[in-house]
Amino acid sequence: MRFLPTMSAVILAVLAGCNKPQEPVQAVNPPEPTEVRDVNTLIGDDALAASEKVAPDPQPLIDPRPVPVLAQPTQPAQRTYVIQKGDTFMGIARKLYNNPARAKDIQAMNPTLDPRKLAIGQEILLPAN
């Protein structure tokens, strides 16, 4: 068994360390308590000297001012429209809004669509008003 010589060497080393004289431990005395005085009961120079030594209360970590509630971002009002034969963004704007310039708004609501390649039955988004 190979571990026996190793274990016996460890045991001997531990026992050898136990025979060493221990260093004396010095007692540590706690610091003497200081006099605690209430600043409110002192008068004259004693009050001034004590008030200089007293730390002020720490500032609160929480801001007491109310936090404004921000409005949730709203999606632009929208509705859907199904493309019919002959529809264009300008024609839809003229038909639904009486304003052909609203074709830009329709294009903005459908940025991935090519206005020259609208398919019949395709659903698009329209601004609400």
N, C-alpha and C. Protein backbone atom coordinates (compact mmCIF):
# COMPACT_ATOMS: atom_id res chain seq x y z
N MET A 1 0.85 -1.17 0.00
CA MET A 1 0.00 0.00 0.00
C MET A 1 0.90 1.23 0.00
N ARG A 2 0.68 2.06 -1.00
CA ARG A 2 1.57 3.18 -1.20
C ARG A 2 1.23 4.37 -0.31
N PHE A 3 -0.01 4.51 0.12
CA PHE A 3 -0.39 5.71 0.85
C PHE A 3 0.05 5.70 2.31
N LEU A 4 0.42 4.54 2.84
CA LEU A 4 0.81 4.47 4.25
C LEU A 4 2.05 5.31 4.55
N PRO A 5 3.12 5.24 3.77
CA PRO A 5 4.27 6.09 4.10
C PRO A 5 3.91 7.58 3.98
N THR A 6 3.09 7.92 3.01
CA THR A 6 2.70 9.32 2.84
C THR A 6 1.85 9.78 4.00
N MET A 7 0.88 8.96 4.39
CA MET A 7 0.02 9.33 5.51
C MET A 7 0.82 9.42 6.80
N SER A 8 1.74 8.53 7.01
CA SER A 8 2.52 8.59 8.24
C SER A 8 3.42 9.82 8.25
N ALA A 9 3.91 10.24 7.05
CA ALA A 9 4.72 11.45 6.99
C ALA A 9 3.88 12.67 7.34
N VAL A 10 2.64 12.70 6.87
CA VAL A 10 1.75 13.82 7.18
C VAL A 10 1.42 13.84 8.66
N ILE A 11 1.16 12.71 9.22
CA ILE A 11 0.83 12.63 10.65
C ILE A 11 2.01 13.09 11.48
N LEU A 12 3.21 12.65 11.12
CA LEU A 12 4.40 13.06 11.86
C LEU A 12 4.61 14.57 11.76
N ALA A 13 4.37 15.14 10.58
CA ALA A 13 4.56 16.58 10.41
C ALA A 13 3.56 17.36 11.26
N VAL A 14 2.34 16.87 11.33
CA VAL A 14 1.33 17.54 12.14
C VAL A 14 1.68 17.44 13.61
N LEU A 15 2.10 16.29 14.03
CA LEU A 15 2.45 16.11 15.43
C LEU A 15 3.68 16.93 15.79
N ALA A 16 4.61 17.06 14.87
CA ALA A 16 5.80 17.86 15.14
C ALA A 16 5.42 19.32 15.31
N GLY A 17 4.44 19.79 14.55
CA GLY A 17 4.00 21.17 14.69
C GLY A 17 3.28 21.41 15.98
N CYS A 18 2.70 20.37 16.57
CA CYS A 18 1.97 20.52 17.83
C CYS A 18 2.92 20.72 19.00
N ASN A 19 4.15 20.30 18.89
CA ASN A 19 5.09 20.41 20.00
C ASN A 19 5.75 21.78 20.07
N LYS A 20 5.57 22.62 19.07
CA LYS A 20 6.18 23.94 19.08
C LYS A 20 5.53 24.77 20.17
N PRO A 21 6.33 25.59 20.83
CA PRO A 21 5.72 26.46 21.85
C PRO A 21 4.90 27.54 21.15
N GLN A 22 3.75 27.77 21.71
CA GLN A 22 2.86 28.76 21.11
C GLN A 22 3.24 30.16 21.59
N GLU A 23 3.05 31.13 20.68
CA GLU A 23 3.34 32.50 21.04
C GLU A 23 2.23 33.01 21.96
N PRO A 24 2.60 33.81 22.93
CA PRO A 24 1.56 34.32 23.84
C PRO A 24 0.62 35.27 23.08
N VAL A 25 -0.61 35.17 23.42
CA VAL A 25 -1.63 36.00 22.79
C VAL A 25 -1.84 37.22 23.65
N GLN A 26 -1.73 38.37 23.02
CA GLN A 26 -1.96 39.60 23.77
C GLN A 26 -3.45 39.92 23.77
N ALA A 27 -3.93 40.30 24.92
CA ALA A 27 -5.34 40.66 25.03
C ALA A 27 -5.55 42.04 24.41
N VAL A 28 -6.60 42.12 23.65
CA VAL A 28 -6.95 43.39 23.04
C VAL A 28 -8.10 43.98 23.82
N ASN A 29 -7.85 45.12 24.41
CA ASN A 29 -8.90 45.76 25.19
C ASN A 29 -9.77 46.60 24.24
N PRO A 30 -11.07 46.55 24.42
CA PRO A 30 -11.93 47.39 23.58
C PRO A 30 -11.69 48.86 23.92
N PRO A 31 -11.93 49.73 22.95
CA PRO A 31 -11.73 51.15 23.25
C PRO A 31 -12.69 51.62 24.33
N GLU A 32 -12.24 52.60 25.05
CA GLU A 32 -13.06 53.14 26.13
C GLU A 32 -14.28 53.84 25.53
N PRO A 33 -15.44 53.65 26.13
CA PRO A 33 -16.62 54.34 25.59
C PRO A 33 -16.46 55.84 25.77
N THR A 34 -16.90 56.57 24.76
CA THR A 34 -16.84 58.03 24.85
C THR A 34 -18.15 58.53 25.43
N GLU A 35 -18.07 59.70 25.93
CA GLU A 35 -19.25 60.28 26.55
C GLU A 35 -20.24 60.69 25.48
N VAL A 36 -21.46 60.27 25.65
CA VAL A 36 -22.53 60.61 24.71
C VAL A 36 -23.38 61.67 25.37
N ARG A 37 -23.49 62.83 24.67
CA ARG A 37 -24.29 63.91 25.23
C ARG A 37 -25.32 64.34 24.20
N ASP A 38 -26.48 64.68 24.67
CA ASP A 38 -27.54 65.16 23.80
C ASP A 38 -27.28 66.63 23.49
N VAL A 39 -27.17 66.96 22.21
CA VAL A 39 -26.87 68.33 21.80
C VAL A 39 -27.96 69.28 22.25
N ASN A 40 -29.18 68.82 22.32
CA ASN A 40 -30.30 69.69 22.67
C ASN A 40 -30.24 70.16 24.12
N THR A 41 -29.53 69.44 24.98
CA THR A 41 -29.48 69.82 26.39
C THR A 41 -28.27 70.67 26.72
N LEU A 42 -27.36 70.86 25.80
CA LEU A 42 -26.15 71.64 26.06
C LEU A 42 -26.41 73.12 25.84
N ILE A 43 -25.65 73.93 26.55
CA ILE A 43 -25.77 75.37 26.37
C ILE A 43 -24.40 76.00 26.14
N GLY A 44 -24.42 77.10 25.45
CA GLY A 44 -23.20 77.89 25.27
C GLY A 44 -22.18 77.21 24.38
N ASP A 45 -20.91 77.31 24.79
CA ASP A 45 -19.80 76.78 23.99
C ASP A 45 -19.88 75.27 23.86
N ASP A 46 -20.41 74.61 24.91
CA ASP A 46 -20.54 73.14 24.84
C ASP A 46 -21.47 72.75 23.69
N ALA A 47 -22.54 73.51 23.51
CA ALA A 47 -23.49 73.20 22.44
C ALA A 47 -22.84 73.42 21.08
N LEU A 48 -22.07 74.51 20.94
CA LEU A 48 -21.41 74.79 19.68
C LEU A 48 -20.39 73.71 19.36
N ALA A 49 -19.59 73.33 20.36
CA ALA A 49 -18.57 72.31 20.14
C ALA A 49 -19.22 70.97 19.81
N ALA A 50 -20.30 70.62 20.48
CA ALA A 50 -20.97 69.35 20.22
C ALA A 50 -21.65 69.35 18.86
N SER A 51 -22.21 70.51 18.47
CA SER A 51 -22.90 70.55 17.18
C SER A 51 -21.92 70.42 16.03
N GLU A 52 -20.69 70.84 16.22
CA GLU A 52 -19.68 70.69 15.18
C GLU A 52 -19.28 69.23 15.00
N LYS A 53 -19.42 68.45 16.05
CA LYS A 53 -19.00 67.06 16.01
C LYS A 53 -20.09 66.14 15.50
N VAL A 54 -21.34 66.57 15.59
CA VAL A 54 -22.46 65.72 15.21
C VAL A 54 -22.63 65.79 13.70
N ALA A 55 -22.66 64.62 13.07
CA ALA A 55 -22.85 64.57 11.62
C ALA A 55 -24.31 64.84 11.29
N PRO A 56 -24.56 65.59 10.22
CA PRO A 56 -25.96 65.83 9.83
C PRO A 56 -26.59 64.55 9.31
N ASP A 57 -27.91 64.54 9.35
CA ASP A 57 -28.63 63.39 8.81
C ASP A 57 -28.33 63.26 7.33
N PRO A 58 -28.13 62.04 6.85
CA PRO A 58 -27.87 61.88 5.42
C PRO A 58 -29.09 62.26 4.59
N GLN A 59 -28.84 62.72 3.38
CA GLN A 59 -29.92 63.09 2.49
C GLN A 59 -30.71 61.84 2.11
N PRO A 60 -32.02 61.97 1.94
CA PRO A 60 -32.80 60.79 1.55
C PRO A 60 -32.39 60.31 0.16
N LEU A 61 -32.44 59.02 -0.03
CA LEU A 61 -32.08 58.42 -1.30
C LEU A 61 -33.20 58.53 -2.32
N ILE A 62 -34.40 58.78 -1.85
CA ILE A 62 -35.55 58.84 -2.74
C ILE A 62 -35.91 60.29 -2.96
N ASP A 63 -36.07 60.68 -4.20
CA ASP A 63 -36.47 62.04 -4.54
C ASP A 63 -37.94 62.21 -4.19
N PRO A 64 -38.28 63.16 -3.32
CA PRO A 64 -39.68 63.30 -2.89
C PRO A 64 -40.58 63.90 -3.97
N ARG A 65 -40.00 64.43 -5.04
CA ARG A 65 -40.83 65.02 -6.08
C ARG A 65 -41.57 63.93 -6.84
N PRO A 66 -42.80 64.19 -7.25
CA PRO A 66 -43.55 63.17 -8.01
C PRO A 66 -42.92 62.95 -9.38
N VAL A 67 -42.98 61.73 -9.83
CA VAL A 67 -42.46 61.38 -11.15
C VAL A 67 -43.58 61.54 -12.17
N PRO A 68 -43.33 62.31 -13.23
CA PRO A 68 -44.39 62.47 -14.22
C PRO A 68 -44.64 61.16 -14.96
N VAL A 69 -45.88 60.89 -15.21
CA VAL A 69 -46.25 59.68 -15.94
C VAL A 69 -46.29 60.04 -17.42
N LEU A 70 -45.46 59.35 -18.17
CA LEU A 70 -45.39 59.62 -19.59
C LEU A 70 -46.47 58.84 -20.31
N ALA A 71 -47.07 59.47 -21.29
CA ALA A 71 -48.11 58.81 -22.07
C ALA A 71 -47.47 57.69 -22.89
N GLN A 72 -48.16 56.60 -22.98
CA GLN A 72 -47.68 55.48 -23.78
C GLN A 72 -47.69 55.87 -25.25
N PRO A 73 -46.64 55.53 -25.99
CA PRO A 73 -46.68 55.85 -27.41
C PRO A 73 -47.82 55.10 -28.08
N THR A 74 -48.55 55.80 -28.86
CA THR A 74 -49.70 55.19 -29.52
C THR A 74 -49.38 54.92 -30.97
N GLN A 75 -49.91 53.86 -31.45
CA GLN A 75 -49.76 53.54 -32.87
C GLN A 75 -50.67 54.50 -33.65
N PRO A 76 -50.23 54.93 -34.80
CA PRO A 76 -51.13 55.79 -35.57
C PRO A 76 -52.41 55.03 -35.89
N ALA A 77 -53.50 55.73 -35.80
CA ALA A 77 -54.78 55.09 -36.09
C ALA A 77 -54.76 54.59 -37.54
N GLN A 78 -55.23 53.39 -37.73
CA GLN A 78 -55.18 52.80 -39.07
C GLN A 78 -56.37 51.89 -39.31
N ARG A 79 -56.58 51.60 -40.55
CA ARG A 79 -57.60 50.63 -40.96
C ARG A 79 -57.06 49.90 -42.18
N THR A 80 -57.74 48.87 -42.59
CA THR A 80 -57.27 48.09 -43.74
C THR A 80 -58.17 48.33 -44.95
N TYR A 81 -57.61 48.03 -46.10
CA TYR A 81 -58.34 48.17 -47.37
C TYR A 81 -57.88 47.03 -48.27
N VAL A 82 -58.81 46.44 -49.00
CA VAL A 82 -58.49 45.35 -49.93
C VAL A 82 -58.42 45.95 -51.33
N ILE A 83 -57.29 45.74 -51.99
CA ILE A 83 -57.06 46.27 -53.33
C ILE A 83 -58.05 45.65 -54.32
N GLN A 84 -58.63 46.51 -55.15
CA GLN A 84 -59.56 46.08 -56.20
C GLN A 84 -58.93 46.37 -57.56
N LYS A 85 -59.53 45.83 -58.59
CA LYS A 85 -59.00 46.00 -59.95
C LYS A 85 -58.88 47.49 -60.29
N GLY A 86 -57.71 47.90 -60.76
CA GLY A 86 -57.47 49.28 -61.18
C GLY A 86 -57.07 50.24 -60.08
N ASP A 87 -56.97 49.76 -58.83
CA ASP A 87 -56.62 50.65 -57.72
C ASP A 87 -55.15 51.09 -57.78
N THR A 88 -54.95 52.34 -57.41
CA THR A 88 -53.61 52.90 -57.18
C THR A 88 -53.68 53.64 -55.85
N PHE A 89 -52.52 53.95 -55.28
CA PHE A 89 -52.54 54.69 -54.02
C PHE A 89 -53.22 56.05 -54.22
N MET A 90 -52.97 56.69 -55.36
CA MET A 90 -53.58 57.99 -55.61
C MET A 90 -55.10 57.85 -55.79
N GLY A 91 -55.53 56.81 -56.49
CA GLY A 91 -56.96 56.58 -56.69
C GLY A 91 -57.66 56.28 -55.37
N ILE A 92 -57.03 55.48 -54.53
CA ILE A 92 -57.61 55.16 -53.21
C ILE A 92 -57.71 56.43 -52.38
N ALA A 93 -56.64 57.26 -52.41
CA ALA A 93 -56.65 58.51 -51.65
C ALA A 93 -57.76 59.43 -52.14
N ARG A 94 -57.96 59.49 -53.44
CA ARG A 94 -59.00 60.34 -54.01
C ARG A 94 -60.38 59.80 -53.61
N LYS A 95 -60.55 58.47 -53.70
CA LYS A 95 -61.86 57.84 -53.43
C LYS A 95 -62.22 57.92 -51.95
N LEU A 96 -61.27 57.64 -51.04
CA LEU A 96 -61.59 57.54 -49.61
C LEU A 96 -61.39 58.85 -48.85
N TYR A 97 -60.47 59.69 -49.30
CA TYR A 97 -60.15 60.91 -48.55
C TYR A 97 -60.48 62.19 -49.31
N ASN A 98 -60.92 62.05 -50.57
CA ASN A 98 -61.17 63.22 -51.43
C ASN A 98 -59.93 64.10 -51.52
N ASN A 99 -58.76 63.49 -51.43
CA ASN A 99 -57.51 64.24 -51.46
C ASN A 99 -56.42 63.33 -52.03
N PRO A 100 -56.06 63.48 -53.31
CA PRO A 100 -55.06 62.61 -53.90
C PRO A 100 -53.68 62.75 -53.25
N ALA A 101 -53.43 63.87 -52.56
CA ALA A 101 -52.15 64.06 -51.89
C ALA A 101 -51.96 63.07 -50.73
N ARG A 102 -53.05 62.48 -50.25
CA ARG A 102 -52.96 61.49 -49.16
C ARG A 102 -52.33 60.19 -49.63
N ALA A 103 -52.04 60.07 -50.93
CA ALA A 103 -51.36 58.88 -51.44
C ALA A 103 -50.01 58.70 -50.74
N LYS A 104 -49.36 59.82 -50.39
CA LYS A 104 -48.07 59.75 -49.66
C LYS A 104 -48.27 59.10 -48.29
N ASP A 105 -49.39 59.42 -47.63
CA ASP A 105 -49.69 58.83 -46.33
C ASP A 105 -49.93 57.32 -46.46
N ILE A 106 -50.61 56.94 -47.52
CA ILE A 106 -50.87 55.51 -47.75
C ILE A 106 -49.54 54.79 -48.01
N GLN A 107 -48.67 55.41 -48.81
CA GLN A 107 -47.36 54.82 -49.07
C GLN A 107 -46.55 54.70 -47.77
N ALA A 108 -46.63 55.72 -46.92
CA ALA A 108 -45.91 55.68 -45.65
C ALA A 108 -46.41 54.56 -44.74
N MET A 109 -47.69 54.24 -44.82
CA MET A 109 -48.25 53.16 -44.00
C MET A 109 -47.88 51.78 -44.55
N ASN A 110 -47.47 51.72 -45.81
CA ASN A 110 -47.13 50.46 -46.48
C ASN A 110 -45.77 50.59 -47.17
N PRO A 111 -44.69 50.79 -46.41
CA PRO A 111 -43.39 51.10 -47.02
C PRO A 111 -42.80 49.95 -47.83
N THR A 112 -43.22 48.73 -47.59
CA THR A 112 -42.64 47.59 -48.31
C THR A 112 -43.33 47.30 -49.64
N LEU A 113 -44.43 47.99 -49.92
CA LEU A 113 -45.18 47.73 -51.15
C LEU A 113 -44.73 48.66 -52.27
N ASP A 114 -44.68 48.11 -53.47
CA ASP A 114 -44.42 48.91 -54.67
C ASP A 114 -45.78 49.35 -55.21
N PRO A 115 -46.06 50.65 -55.23
CA PRO A 115 -47.38 51.11 -55.66
C PRO A 115 -47.70 50.76 -57.11
N ARG A 116 -46.68 50.40 -57.89
CA ARG A 116 -46.93 50.02 -59.29
C ARG A 116 -47.28 48.55 -59.43
N LYS A 117 -47.13 47.78 -58.34
CA LYS A 117 -47.37 46.33 -58.41
C LYS A 117 -48.39 45.87 -57.37
N LEU A 118 -49.50 46.57 -57.28
CA LEU A 118 -50.55 46.17 -56.33
C LEU A 118 -51.33 45.01 -56.92
N ALA A 119 -51.61 44.01 -56.06
CA ALA A 119 -52.34 42.82 -56.51
C ALA A 119 -53.78 42.88 -56.02
N ILE A 120 -54.70 42.45 -56.88
CA ILE A 120 -56.12 42.40 -56.51
C ILE A 120 -56.27 41.45 -55.32
N GLY A 121 -57.01 41.88 -54.29
CA GLY A 121 -57.22 41.08 -53.09
C GLY A 121 -56.16 41.33 -52.02
N GLN A 122 -55.12 42.07 -52.36
CA GLN A 122 -54.07 42.38 -51.40
C GLN A 122 -54.61 43.36 -50.36
N GLU A 123 -54.24 43.14 -49.10
CA GLU A 123 -54.72 44.00 -48.03
C GLU A 123 -53.63 45.02 -47.69
N ILE A 124 -54.02 46.29 -47.62
CA ILE A 124 -53.06 47.35 -47.27
C ILE A 124 -53.58 48.10 -46.07
N LEU A 125 -52.69 48.87 -45.44
CA LEU A 125 -53.08 49.72 -44.31
C LEU A 125 -53.35 51.13 -44.80
N LEU A 126 -54.35 51.74 -44.18
CA LEU A 126 -54.71 53.12 -44.51
C LEU A 126 -54.72 53.94 -43.23
N PRO A 127 -54.36 55.23 -43.33
CA PRO A 127 -54.51 56.11 -42.17
C PRO A 127 -55.99 56.22 -41.82
N ALA A 128 -56.28 56.43 -40.54
CA ALA A 128 -57.68 56.47 -40.10
C ALA A 128 -58.43 57.66 -40.68
N ASN A 129 -57.84 58.81 -40.73
CA ASN A 129 -58.55 59.99 -41.26
C ASN A 129 -57.70 60.65 -42.29
